[in-house]
Amino acid sequence: MAYVISSDCVACGACAESCPVSAISEGESQYIIDADVCVDCGSCASNCPVEAIAQA
């Protein structure tokens, strides 16, 4: 089960920097997670300063 980024995202990039498989990229208004690449490690969620990331 991959993680998802909610609209609470402030586009700081902390999640993308912490992703070990580069599954996170910058979208138009917030970062997005590629569910096919995500390995469900939770690193992004634990590094998000606004708690905008949760399991889908």
N, C-alpha and C. Protein backbone atom coordinates (compact mmCIF):
# COMPACT_ATOMS: atom_id res chain seq x y z
N MET A 1 0.85 -1.18 0.00
CA MET A 1 0.00 0.00 0.00
C MET A 1 0.89 1.24 0.00
N ALA A 2 0.83 2.00 -1.06
CA ALA A 2 1.68 3.19 -1.20
C ALA A 2 1.17 4.34 -0.34
N TYR A 3 2.02 5.31 -0.18
CA TYR A 3 1.68 6.52 0.56
C TYR A 3 1.11 7.54 -0.42
N VAL A 4 0.33 8.49 0.09
CA VAL A 4 -0.21 9.57 -0.72
C VAL A 4 0.04 10.90 0.00
N ILE A 5 0.14 11.95 -0.78
CA ILE A 5 0.36 13.29 -0.25
C ILE A 5 -0.94 14.07 -0.37
N SER A 6 -1.40 14.62 0.73
CA SER A 6 -2.66 15.37 0.74
C SER A 6 -2.46 16.81 0.27
N SER A 7 -3.55 17.52 0.17
CA SER A 7 -3.50 18.92 -0.25
C SER A 7 -2.87 19.82 0.82
N ASP A 8 -2.55 19.26 1.99
CA ASP A 8 -1.86 20.02 3.04
C ASP A 8 -0.39 20.25 2.70
N CYS A 9 0.09 19.61 1.63
CA CYS A 9 1.49 19.72 1.20
C CYS A 9 1.86 21.18 0.97
N VAL A 10 3.01 21.60 1.51
CA VAL A 10 3.51 22.96 1.31
C VAL A 10 4.68 22.99 0.31
N ALA A 11 4.90 21.89 -0.39
CA ALA A 11 5.91 21.78 -1.44
C ALA A 11 7.32 22.13 -0.96
N CYS A 12 7.68 21.67 0.22
CA CYS A 12 9.02 21.96 0.76
C CYS A 12 10.09 21.03 0.21
N GLY A 13 9.69 19.84 -0.24
CA GLY A 13 10.65 18.90 -0.82
C GLY A 13 11.30 17.95 0.16
N ALA A 14 10.98 18.04 1.43
CA ALA A 14 11.61 17.15 2.43
C ALA A 14 11.31 15.69 2.14
N CYS A 15 10.12 15.41 1.66
CA CYS A 15 9.73 14.03 1.36
C CYS A 15 10.56 13.46 0.21
N ALA A 16 10.71 14.24 -0.84
CA ALA A 16 11.45 13.79 -2.01
C ALA A 16 12.91 13.51 -1.67
N GLU A 17 13.49 14.35 -0.84
CA GLU A 17 14.88 14.17 -0.43
C GLU A 17 15.07 12.91 0.40
N SER A 18 14.04 12.50 1.14
CA SER A 18 14.17 11.35 2.03
C SER A 18 13.79 10.03 1.38
N CYS A 19 13.21 10.06 0.17
CA CYS A 19 12.75 8.83 -0.49
C CYS A 19 13.93 8.04 -1.04
N PRO A 20 14.11 6.79 -0.59
CA PRO A 20 15.26 6.00 -1.03
C PRO A 20 15.14 5.47 -2.46
N VAL A 21 13.94 5.51 -3.05
CA VAL A 21 13.75 4.98 -4.40
C VAL A 21 13.30 6.05 -5.40
N SER A 22 13.38 7.31 -5.01
CA SER A 22 13.01 8.44 -5.87
C SER A 22 11.60 8.32 -6.44
N ALA A 23 10.65 7.94 -5.59
CA ALA A 23 9.26 7.78 -6.01
C ALA A 23 8.47 9.08 -5.93
N ILE A 24 9.09 10.13 -5.41
CA ILE A 24 8.38 11.39 -5.20
C ILE A 24 8.94 12.47 -6.13
N SER A 25 8.01 13.16 -6.78
CA SER A 25 8.42 14.23 -7.69
C SER A 25 7.53 15.45 -7.47
N GLU A 26 7.99 16.58 -7.97
CA GLU A 26 7.26 17.82 -7.80
C GLU A 26 6.16 17.91 -8.85
N GLY A 27 4.93 18.10 -8.37
CA GLY A 27 3.80 18.29 -9.26
C GLY A 27 3.56 19.77 -9.48
N GLU A 28 2.39 20.11 -10.01
CA GLU A 28 2.09 21.52 -10.28
C GLU A 28 1.99 22.36 -9.02
N SER A 29 1.27 21.84 -8.01
CA SER A 29 1.08 22.63 -6.79
C SER A 29 1.59 21.93 -5.54
N GLN A 30 1.94 20.66 -5.65
CA GLN A 30 2.44 19.90 -4.51
C GLN A 30 3.24 18.71 -5.03
N TYR A 31 3.91 18.02 -4.13
CA TYR A 31 4.65 16.84 -4.52
C TYR A 31 3.71 15.66 -4.68
N ILE A 32 4.10 14.69 -5.52
CA ILE A 32 3.28 13.50 -5.75
C ILE A 32 4.14 12.25 -5.62
N ILE A 33 3.50 11.15 -5.23
CA ILE A 33 4.19 9.88 -5.06
C ILE A 33 3.74 8.91 -6.15
N ASP A 34 4.70 8.31 -6.84
CA ASP A 34 4.41 7.29 -7.85
C ASP A 34 4.19 5.96 -7.11
N ALA A 35 2.95 5.52 -7.05
CA ALA A 35 2.59 4.31 -6.31
C ALA A 35 3.27 3.07 -6.85
N ASP A 36 3.62 3.06 -8.14
CA ASP A 36 4.28 1.90 -8.73
C ASP A 36 5.74 1.79 -8.31
N VAL A 37 6.32 2.89 -7.86
CA VAL A 37 7.73 2.90 -7.45
C VAL A 37 7.87 2.85 -5.93
N CYS A 38 6.90 3.38 -5.21
CA CYS A 38 6.93 3.44 -3.75
C CYS A 38 7.10 2.05 -3.14
N VAL A 39 8.03 1.93 -2.19
CA VAL A 39 8.29 0.66 -1.52
C VAL A 39 7.68 0.61 -0.12
N ASP A 40 6.84 1.60 0.18
CA ASP A 40 6.07 1.62 1.43
C ASP A 40 6.96 1.65 2.68
N CYS A 41 8.07 2.39 2.62
CA CYS A 41 8.99 2.43 3.75
C CYS A 41 8.58 3.43 4.83
N GLY A 42 7.82 4.47 4.44
CA GLY A 42 7.37 5.46 5.41
C GLY A 42 8.34 6.59 5.68
N SER A 43 9.46 6.60 5.01
CA SER A 43 10.45 7.64 5.23
C SER A 43 9.88 9.02 4.92
N CYS A 44 9.11 9.12 3.87
CA CYS A 44 8.53 10.40 3.48
C CYS A 44 7.60 10.94 4.56
N ALA A 45 6.75 10.07 5.09
CA ALA A 45 5.78 10.49 6.10
C ALA A 45 6.47 10.97 7.37
N SER A 46 7.53 10.29 7.75
CA SER A 46 8.21 10.68 8.98
C SER A 46 9.03 11.95 8.82
N ASN A 47 9.31 12.36 7.58
CA ASN A 47 10.08 13.58 7.33
C ASN A 47 9.23 14.77 6.91
N CYS A 48 7.93 14.58 6.77
CA CYS A 48 7.06 15.67 6.35
C CYS A 48 6.77 16.61 7.54
N PRO A 49 7.15 17.88 7.43
CA PRO A 49 6.97 18.81 8.54
C PRO A 49 5.51 19.20 8.82
N VAL A 50 4.62 18.97 7.84
CA VAL A 50 3.22 19.34 8.04
C VAL A 50 2.30 18.12 8.09
N GLU A 51 2.89 16.94 8.18
CA GLU A 51 2.13 15.67 8.27
C GLU A 51 1.11 15.53 7.16
N ALA A 52 1.53 15.83 5.93
CA ALA A 52 0.64 15.77 4.76
C ALA A 52 0.68 14.41 4.06
N ILE A 53 1.44 13.44 4.61
CA ILE A 53 1.60 12.16 3.94
C ILE A 53 1.06 11.03 4.82
N ALA A 54 0.25 10.16 4.20
CA ALA A 54 -0.34 9.02 4.92
C ALA A 54 -0.44 7.83 3.97
N GLN A 55 -0.62 6.66 4.54
CA GLN A 55 -0.81 5.48 3.71
C GLN A 55 -2.16 5.55 3.02
N ALA A 56 -2.19 5.10 1.78
CA ALA A 56 -3.43 5.11 0.99
C ALA A 56 -4.38 4.03 1.48
